[in-house]
Amino acid sequence: MTQQNDMDEALKRLEDDYVRAVKENDSTNVKDFIEQFLYDSWEYNDQNIEMIKTVLGRYSSGRIPQRTFRSSFNYMTEELQEKLRQLDHDKVYPVLHSKDGASMLVAFVDGLVLQYYIGAYDVDDLREMTPYLKRVILQMLKTEV
């Protein structure tokens, strides 16, 4: 958990929600985890778009310091990476065992979330695309490091 004295309340809520979703994803393998992670991402972002916009606005205006935002992001991706490593016992997905594995996954998902925000996709589009996106992500995670 981030231990910043200047932690923004909304950022802390996003962080807590994210870590809880990762920990409560009871999938027993990487494939199922990724699928649930995607569906959860679309749903959460759709339901919490205003809070996310608020946090990003506070960050871009300097009211949330970069070190605080970065620390929160790093904590969230570390929790994700740890969970995924635990699920990949046979090391089928080398990217998950690299230093930046979870960050790459988050970059992919967040890129789609950004496209949702700008109206390129709606939540139904993302839900419909999820089986394909899962296959793309799983293939990416198999890349040799």
C-alpha atoms as a PDB file:
ATOM      1  CA  MET A   1       0.000   0.000   0.000  1.00  0.00           C
ATOM      2  CA  THR A   2       1.220   3.493  -0.695  1.00  0.00           C
ATOM      3  CA  GLN A   3       2.049   5.398   2.434  1.00  0.00           C
ATOM      4  CA  GLN A   4       1.958   8.971   1.170  1.00  0.00           C
ATOM      5  CA  ASN A   5       0.860  11.668   3.593  1.00  0.00           C
ATOM      6  CA  ASP A   6      -0.479  13.638   0.666  1.00  0.00           C
ATOM      7  CA  MET A   7      -2.519  10.768  -0.800  1.00  0.00           C
ATOM      8  CA  ASP A   8      -5.581  12.079  -2.544  1.00  0.00           C
ATOM      9  CA  GLU A   9      -8.784  10.506  -1.188  1.00  0.00           C
ATOM     10  CA  ALA A  10     -10.153   9.658  -4.633  1.00  0.00           C
ATOM     11  CA  LEU A  11      -6.811   8.209  -5.764  1.00  0.00           C
ATOM     12  CA  LYS A  12      -6.708   6.117  -2.599  1.00  0.00           C
ATOM     13  CA  ARG A  13     -10.184   4.798  -3.373  1.00  0.00           C
ATOM     14  CA  LEU A  14      -9.153   3.899  -6.926  1.00  0.00           C
ATOM     15  CA  GLU A  15      -6.064   2.172  -5.561  1.00  0.00           C
ATOM     16  CA  ASP A  16      -8.035   0.238  -2.950  1.00  0.00           C
ATOM     17  CA  ASP A  17     -10.691  -0.789  -5.465  1.00  0.00           C
ATOM     18  CA  TYR A  18      -8.060  -1.952  -7.946  1.00  0.00           C
ATOM     19  CA  VAL A  19      -6.099  -4.019  -5.442  1.00  0.00           C
ATOM     20  CA  ARG A  20      -9.303  -5.522  -4.065  1.00  0.00           C
ATOM     21  CA  ALA A  21     -10.423  -6.507  -7.585  1.00  0.00           C
ATOM     22  CA  VAL A  22      -7.076  -8.165  -8.271  1.00  0.00           C
ATOM     23  CA  LYS A  23      -7.084 -10.044  -4.980  1.00  0.00           C
ATOM     24  CA  GLU A  24     -10.750 -11.038  -5.247  1.00  0.00           C
ATOM     25  CA  ASN A  25     -10.384 -12.340  -8.787  1.00  0.00           C
ATOM     26  CA  ASP A  26     -10.616 -16.009  -7.850  1.00  0.00           C
ATOM     27  CA  SER A  27      -9.519 -17.352 -11.229  1.00  0.00           C
ATOM     28  CA  THR A  28      -7.196 -20.318 -10.988  1.00  0.00           C
ATOM     29  CA  ASN A  29      -5.278 -19.722 -14.211  1.00  0.00           C
ATOM     30  CA  VAL A  30      -3.932 -16.827 -16.246  1.00  0.00           C
ATOM     31  CA  LYS A  31      -6.462 -17.184 -19.088  1.00  0.00           C
ATOM     32  CA  ASP A  32      -9.461 -16.912 -16.802  1.00  0.00           C
ATOM     33  CA  PHE A  33      -7.843 -14.141 -14.771  1.00  0.00           C
ATOM     34  CA  ILE A  34      -7.207 -12.025 -17.870  1.00  0.00           C
ATOM     35  CA  GLU A  35     -10.773 -12.478 -19.070  1.00  0.00           C
ATOM     36  CA  GLN A  36     -12.246 -11.492 -15.706  1.00  0.00           C
ATOM     37  CA  PHE A  37      -9.749  -8.622 -15.397  1.00  0.00           C
ATOM     38  CA  LEU A  38     -10.924  -7.241 -18.737  1.00  0.00           C
ATOM     39  CA  TYR A  39     -14.624  -7.496 -17.929  1.00  0.00           C
ATOM     40  CA  ASP A  40     -13.992  -5.977 -14.490  1.00  0.00           C
ATOM     41  CA  SER A  41     -11.988  -3.142 -16.077  1.00  0.00           C
ATOM     42  CA  TRP A  42     -14.733  -2.209 -18.518  1.00  0.00           C
ATOM     43  CA  GLU A  43     -17.399  -2.296 -15.820  1.00  0.00           C
ATOM     44  CA  TYR A  44     -15.394  -0.412 -13.212  1.00  0.00           C
ATOM     45  CA  ASN A  45     -14.280   2.324 -15.575  1.00  0.00           C
ATOM     46  CA  ASP A  46     -17.799   2.775 -16.885  1.00  0.00           C
ATOM     47  CA  GLN A  47     -19.254   3.052 -13.372  1.00  0.00           C
ATOM     48  CA  ASN A  48     -16.490   5.292 -12.009  1.00  0.00           C
ATOM     49  CA  ILE A  49     -15.610   7.499 -14.958  1.00  0.00           C
ATOM     50  CA  GLU A  50     -16.301  10.753 -13.110  1.00  0.00           C
ATOM     51  CA  MET A  51     -14.054   9.831 -10.183  1.00  0.00           C
ATOM     52  CA  ILE A  52     -11.303   8.748 -12.587  1.00  0.00           C
ATOM     53  CA  LYS A  53     -11.601  12.029 -14.474  1.00  0.00           C
ATOM     54  CA  THR A  54     -11.386  13.886 -11.162  1.00  0.00           C
ATOM     55  CA  VAL A  55      -8.207  12.066 -10.164  1.00  0.00           C
ATOM     56  CA  LEU A  56      -6.599  12.603 -13.561  1.00  0.00           C
ATOM     57  CA  GLY A  57      -7.586  16.274 -13.460  1.00  0.00           C
ATOM     58  CA  ARG A  58      -6.070  16.689 -10.010  1.00  0.00           C
ATOM     59  CA  TYR A  59      -2.919  14.972 -11.199  1.00  0.00           C
ATOM     60  CA  SER A  60      -2.612  17.056 -14.367  1.00  0.00           C
ATOM     61  CA  SER A  61      -3.142  20.273 -12.402  1.00  0.00           C
ATOM     62  CA  GLY A  62      -0.467  19.301  -9.887  1.00  0.00           C
ATOM     63  CA  ARG A  63      -2.799  18.778  -6.926  1.00  0.00           C
ATOM     64  CA  ILE A  64      -1.690  15.143  -6.808  1.00  0.00           C
ATOM     65  CA  PRO A  65       2.119  15.070  -6.887  1.00  0.00           C
ATOM     66  CA  GLN A  66       3.777  12.907  -9.512  1.00  0.00           C
ATOM     67  CA  ARG A  67       5.586  10.843  -6.852  1.00  0.00           C
ATOM     68  CA  THR A  68       2.255  10.040  -5.180  1.00  0.00           C
ATOM     69  CA  PHE A  69       0.560   9.083  -8.436  1.00  0.00           C
ATOM     70  CA  ARG A  70       3.573   7.024  -9.534  1.00  0.00           C
ATOM     71  CA  SER A  71       3.763   5.287  -6.158  1.00  0.00           C
ATOM     72  CA  SER A  72       0.083   4.371  -6.344  1.00  0.00           C
ATOM     73  CA  PHE A  73       0.420   3.109  -9.932  1.00  0.00           C
ATOM     74  CA  ASN A  74       3.492   1.054  -9.016  1.00  0.00           C
ATOM     75  CA  TYR A  75       1.713  -0.473  -6.038  1.00  0.00           C
ATOM     76  CA  MET A  76      -1.281  -1.464  -8.162  1.00  0.00           C
ATOM     77  CA  THR A  77       0.848  -3.014 -10.924  1.00  0.00           C
ATOM     78  CA  GLU A  78       3.012  -4.849  -8.380  1.00  0.00           C
ATOM     79  CA  GLU A  79      -0.094  -6.432  -6.871  1.00  0.00           C
ATOM     80  CA  LEU A  80      -1.291  -7.417 -10.351  1.00  0.00           C
ATOM     81  CA  GLN A  81       2.084  -8.849 -11.306  1.00  0.00           C
ATOM     82  CA  GLU A  82       2.340 -10.867  -8.098  1.00  0.00           C
ATOM     83  CA  LYS A  83      -1.110 -12.371  -8.640  1.00  0.00           C
ATOM     84  CA  LEU A  84      -0.345 -13.251 -12.259  1.00  0.00           C
ATOM     85  CA  ARG A  85       3.013 -14.800 -11.376  1.00  0.00           C
ATOM     86  CA  GLN A  86       1.280 -16.992  -8.808  1.00  0.00           C
ATOM     87  CA  LEU A  87      -1.165 -18.188 -11.447  1.00  0.00           C
ATOM     88  CA  ASP A  88       1.575 -18.955 -13.996  1.00  0.00           C
ATOM     89  CA  HIS A  89       3.189 -21.886 -12.190  1.00  0.00           C
ATOM     90  CA  ASP A  90       4.572 -23.396 -15.389  1.00  0.00           C
ATOM     91  CA  LYS A  91       5.898 -20.059 -16.660  1.00  0.00           C
ATOM     92  CA  VAL A  92       3.958 -20.299 -19.895  1.00  0.00           C
ATOM     93  CA  TYR A  93       3.828 -16.483 -20.025  1.00  0.00           C
ATOM     94  CA  PRO A  94       7.420 -15.150 -19.776  1.00  0.00           C
ATOM     95  CA  VAL A  95       6.330 -11.505 -19.853  1.00  0.00           C
ATOM     96  CA  LEU A  96       4.609 -11.977 -16.482  1.00  0.00           C
ATOM     97  CA  HIS A  97       7.940 -12.878 -14.951  1.00  0.00           C
ATOM     98  CA  SER A  98       9.760  -9.871 -16.366  1.00  0.00           C
ATOM     99  CA  LYS A  99      10.260  -6.611 -14.505  1.00  0.00           C
ATOM    100  CA  ASP A 100       7.586  -4.766 -16.495  1.00  0.00           C
ATOM    101  CA  GLY A 101       5.126  -7.560 -17.273  1.00  0.00           C
ATOM    102  CA  ALA A 102       2.095  -6.199 -15.454  1.00  0.00           C
ATOM    103  CA  SER A 103       2.859  -2.675 -16.630  1.00  0.00           C
ATOM    104  CA  MET A 104       2.654  -3.860 -20.251  1.00  0.00           C
ATOM    105  CA  LEU A 105      -0.694  -5.506 -19.580  1.00  0.00           C
ATOM    106  CA  VAL A 106      -1.987  -2.362 -17.891  1.00  0.00           C
ATOM    107  CA  ALA A 107      -0.747  -0.224 -20.791  1.00  0.00           C
ATOM    108  CA  PHE A 108      -2.742  -2.357 -23.217  1.00  0.00           C
ATOM    109  CA  VAL A 109      -5.919  -2.282 -21.124  1.00  0.00           C
ATOM    110  CA  ASP A 110      -5.592   1.406 -20.256  1.00  0.00           C
ATOM    111  CA  GLY A 111      -5.125   2.214 -23.942  1.00  0.00           C
ATOM    112  CA  LEU A 112      -8.520   0.656 -24.604  1.00  0.00           C
ATOM    113  CA  VAL A 113     -10.010   2.452 -21.610  1.00  0.00           C
ATOM    114  CA  LEU A 114      -8.691   5.732 -23.021  1.00  0.00           C
ATOM    115  CA  GLN A 115     -10.368   4.919 -26.325  1.00  0.00           C
ATOM    116  CA  TYR A 116     -13.571   4.289 -24.381  1.00  0.00           C
ATOM    117  CA  TYR A 117     -13.237   7.733 -22.743  1.00  0.00           C
ATOM    118  CA  ILE A 118     -12.885   9.478 -26.093  1.00  0.00           C
ATOM    119  CA  GLY A 119     -15.825   7.592 -27.565  1.00  0.00           C
ATOM    120  CA  ALA A 120     -14.028   5.222 -29.942  1.00  0.00           C
ATOM    121  CA  TYR A 121     -15.637   2.301 -28.090  1.00  0.00           C
ATOM    122  CA  ASP A 122     -18.505   1.999 -25.694  1.00  0.00           C
ATOM    123  CA  VAL A 123     -18.684  -0.559 -22.896  1.00  0.00           C
ATOM    124  CA  ASP A 124     -20.764  -2.946 -24.984  1.00  0.00           C
ATOM    125  CA  ASP A 125     -18.112  -2.827 -27.737  1.00  0.00           C
ATOM    126  CA  LEU A 126     -15.395  -3.653 -25.214  1.00  0.00           C
ATOM    127  CA  ARG A 127     -17.422  -6.493 -23.710  1.00  0.00           C
ATOM    128  CA  GLU A 128     -18.046  -7.902 -27.167  1.00  0.00           C
ATOM    129  CA  MET A 129     -14.343  -7.627 -28.041  1.00  0.00           C
ATOM    130  CA  THR A 130     -13.162  -9.255 -24.806  1.00  0.00           C
ATOM    131  CA  PRO A 131     -12.725 -12.835 -26.097  1.00  0.00           C
ATOM    132  CA  TYR A 132     -10.534 -11.511 -28.924  1.00  0.00           C
ATOM    133  CA  LEU A 133      -8.664  -9.117 -26.635  1.00  0.00           C
ATOM    134  CA  LYS A 134      -7.982 -11.968 -24.221  1.00  0.00           C
ATOM    135  CA  ARG A 135      -6.380 -13.994 -27.022  1.00  0.00           C
ATOM    136  CA  VAL A 136      -4.251 -11.016 -28.104  1.00  0.00           C
ATOM    137  CA  ILE A 137      -3.076 -10.371 -24.542  1.00  0.00           C
ATOM    138  CA  LEU A 138      -2.300 -14.027 -23.878  1.00  0.00           C
ATOM    139  CA  GLN A 139      -0.249 -14.173 -27.071  1.00  0.00           C
ATOM    140  CA  MET A 140       1.606 -11.006 -26.045  1.00  0.00           C
ATOM    141  CA  LEU A 141       2.345 -12.496 -22.622  1.00  0.00           C
ATOM    142  CA  LYS A 142       3.940 -15.533 -24.273  1.00  0.00           C
ATOM    143  CA  THR A 143       6.614 -13.380 -25.890  1.00  0.00           C
ATOM    144  CA  GLU A 144      10.104 -14.420 -24.850  1.00  0.00           C
ATOM    145  CA  VAL A 145      11.835 -11.781 -22.811  1.00  0.00           C
END
